[in-house]
Amino acid sequence: GGGPSSDFAFSGSSGGALVAGALATGIDIHALASFVISCHGECQYNPWRMFPCTDRALQRFVGQAAHKRANGRLRVLLTRIQLWTLKPAVRPETVSAFGSTQHLKQVLRASCHIPFLAGPLPYHVPRQDAPDGSMLHAGGDFIDG
């Protein structure tokens, strides 16, 4: 096969999480690289356009069962931010279990979220429960990993 062995695991934050996610889920790297290069003109003078391009890439390349391939093989580093509590806090968090492909996409997008450049607020990832009802990921508000 053209992708890395399933014996490998990948880890990253921000853009590195996007690359790690592509490798862990078997995305066609050449097709993804061509797509990224095609976004250059849109983003060259307007860095705010990087985030819509990222969203389009996630929708286009992350397939239906991607979360199953990512579970246990991908670790995404995030920065959890709690602004709306009595004690605002910022702390690191790692996610390596994904309840759905949508959850995987949200975690990857959250890892590269830059407040004000990508939107005024942190990126929200909803809580994810496992099929047995146990909590898989608490969800929350995140900024760049």
Protein backbone atom coordinates (compact mmCIF):
# COMPACT_ATOMS: atom_id res chain seq x y z
CA GLY A 1 0.00 0.00 0.00
CA GLY A 2 0.92 3.63 -0.40
CA GLY A 3 0.20 4.72 3.17
CA PRO A 4 2.06 4.15 6.40
CA SER A 5 1.73 0.86 8.24
CA SER A 6 -1.06 0.61 10.80
CA ASP A 7 1.71 -0.06 13.33
CA PHE A 8 2.60 3.64 13.31
CA ALA A 9 0.96 6.35 15.41
CA PHE A 10 1.02 10.06 14.68
CA SER A 11 0.83 13.14 16.86
CA GLY A 12 0.67 16.86 16.28
CA SER A 13 -0.82 20.23 17.02
CA SER A 14 -2.09 22.93 14.69
CA GLY A 15 -0.89 22.28 11.13
CA GLY A 16 1.07 19.30 12.42
CA ALA A 17 -2.19 17.76 13.64
CA LEU A 18 -3.63 18.14 10.16
CA VAL A 19 -0.63 16.32 8.66
CA ALA A 20 -0.72 13.66 11.40
CA GLY A 21 -4.45 13.19 10.76
CA ALA A 22 -3.87 12.74 7.04
CA LEU A 23 -1.18 10.13 7.67
CA ALA A 24 -3.14 8.27 10.36
CA THR A 25 -6.29 8.02 8.26
CA GLY A 26 -4.68 7.18 4.92
CA ILE A 27 -5.65 10.32 3.03
CA ASP A 28 -4.10 10.57 -0.45
CA ILE A 29 -1.23 12.93 0.39
CA HIS A 30 -0.61 13.91 -3.25
CA ALA A 31 -4.25 14.90 -3.77
CA LEU A 32 -4.27 16.80 -0.47
CA ALA A 33 -1.03 18.61 -1.37
CA SER A 34 -2.51 19.60 -4.75
CA PHE A 35 -5.59 20.95 -3.00
CA VAL A 36 -3.49 22.96 -0.52
CA ILE A 37 -1.41 24.42 -3.35
CA SER A 38 -4.62 25.35 -5.19
CA CYS A 39 -5.61 27.47 -2.15
CA HIS A 40 -2.43 29.58 -2.37
CA GLY A 41 -3.96 32.32 -4.51
CA GLU A 42 -6.95 32.63 -2.19
CA CYS A 43 -4.79 32.88 0.94
CA GLN A 44 -1.70 34.65 -0.36
CA TYR A 45 -2.77 38.14 0.65
CA ASN A 46 -5.55 37.23 3.05
CA PRO A 47 -4.52 34.84 5.85
CA TRP A 48 -8.11 34.79 7.13
CA ARG A 49 -8.93 32.58 4.13
CA MET A 50 -6.72 29.75 5.50
CA PHE A 51 -9.53 28.60 7.78
CA PRO A 52 -12.25 28.23 5.11
CA CYS A 53 -9.67 26.35 3.02
CA THR A 54 -8.96 24.08 5.98
CA ASP A 55 -12.68 23.47 6.43
CA ARG A 56 -13.05 22.58 2.74
CA ALA A 57 -10.08 20.20 2.92
CA LEU A 58 -11.52 18.45 5.98
CA GLN A 59 -14.89 18.04 4.24
CA ARG A 60 -13.34 16.85 0.99
CA PHE A 61 -10.64 14.46 2.23
CA VAL A 62 -11.70 13.06 5.62
CA GLY A 63 -13.87 10.05 4.73
CA GLN A 64 -16.77 8.44 6.59
CA ALA A 65 -14.76 5.88 8.58
CA ALA A 66 -11.73 8.10 9.21
CA HIS A 67 -12.36 8.24 12.96
CA LYS A 68 -12.06 4.44 13.17
CA ARG A 69 -8.64 4.55 11.50
CA ALA A 70 -7.59 7.48 13.72
CA ASN A 71 -8.59 5.93 17.06
CA GLY A 72 -5.45 4.89 18.90
CA ARG A 73 -3.21 6.01 16.01
CA LEU A 74 -3.67 9.78 16.20
CA ARG A 75 -3.03 12.13 19.10
CA VAL A 76 -4.15 15.72 18.59
CA LEU A 77 -2.86 18.38 20.95
CA LEU A 78 -5.29 21.15 21.86
CA THR A 79 -5.36 24.11 24.20
CA ARG A 80 -8.53 24.11 26.30
CA ILE A 81 -9.66 27.59 27.24
CA GLN A 82 -12.22 28.33 29.91
CA LEU A 83 -13.20 31.98 29.87
CA TRP A 84 -16.72 31.84 31.21
CA THR A 85 -15.91 30.56 34.72
CA LEU A 86 -14.95 32.32 37.95
CA LYS A 87 -11.35 31.23 37.36
CA PRO A 88 -10.48 31.53 33.66
CA ALA A 89 -7.99 28.84 32.70
CA VAL A 90 -5.87 27.70 29.78
CA ARG A 91 -4.52 24.14 29.79
CA PRO A 92 -3.18 21.58 27.33
CA GLU A 93 -5.24 18.57 26.34
CA THR A 94 -4.65 15.54 24.11
CA VAL A 95 -7.41 13.75 22.21
CA SER A 96 -6.79 10.26 20.82
CA ALA A 97 -10.32 8.78 20.77
CA PHE A 98 -12.86 10.02 18.26
CA GLY A 99 -16.57 9.21 18.49
CA SER A 100 -17.34 9.97 14.86
CA THR A 101 -15.78 11.36 11.72
CA GLN A 102 -17.45 14.68 12.53
CA HIS A 103 -15.78 14.68 15.95
CA LEU A 104 -12.39 13.96 14.34
CA LYS A 105 -12.88 16.89 11.95
CA GLN A 106 -13.90 19.19 14.82
CA VAL A 107 -10.86 18.23 16.92
CA LEU A 108 -8.50 18.76 13.97
CA ARG A 109 -10.07 22.13 13.20
CA ALA A 110 -9.95 23.17 16.87
CA SER A 111 -6.24 22.37 17.00
CA CYS A 112 -5.47 24.99 14.36
CA HIS A 113 -7.98 27.63 15.50
CA ILE A 114 -6.44 31.06 16.02
CA PRO A 115 -8.82 33.46 17.81
CA PHE A 116 -9.60 36.68 15.95
CA LEU A 117 -7.97 35.36 12.77
CA ALA A 118 -10.41 32.42 12.51
CA GLY A 119 -13.23 33.97 14.53
CA PRO A 120 -13.63 36.00 17.72
CA LEU A 121 -14.29 33.05 20.05
CA PRO A 122 -12.54 29.77 20.79
CA TYR A 123 -13.57 26.81 18.61
CA HIS A 124 -16.28 24.70 20.26
CA VAL A 125 -16.16 20.89 20.14
CA PRO A 126 -19.31 19.20 21.50
CA ARG A 127 -19.15 16.41 24.10
CA GLN A 128 -18.74 12.92 22.63
CA ASP A 129 -20.10 9.76 24.23
CA ALA A 130 -19.01 6.20 23.44
CA PRO A 131 -21.64 3.70 22.23
CA ASP A 132 -21.87 2.26 25.76
CA GLY A 133 -22.85 5.69 27.12
CA SER A 134 -19.52 6.48 28.78
CA MET A 135 -17.92 9.85 28.03
CA LEU A 136 -15.36 9.68 25.24
CA HIS A 137 -14.43 13.37 25.20
CA ALA A 138 -15.75 16.15 27.42
CA GLY A 139 -15.81 18.67 24.58
CA GLY A 140 -15.29 22.34 25.28
CA ASP A 141 -13.75 25.46 23.82
CA PHE A 142 -10.29 25.31 22.26
CA ILE A 143 -7.66 27.43 20.57
CA ASP A 144 -4.53 26.58 18.57
CA GLY A 145 -2.87 23.44 19.94
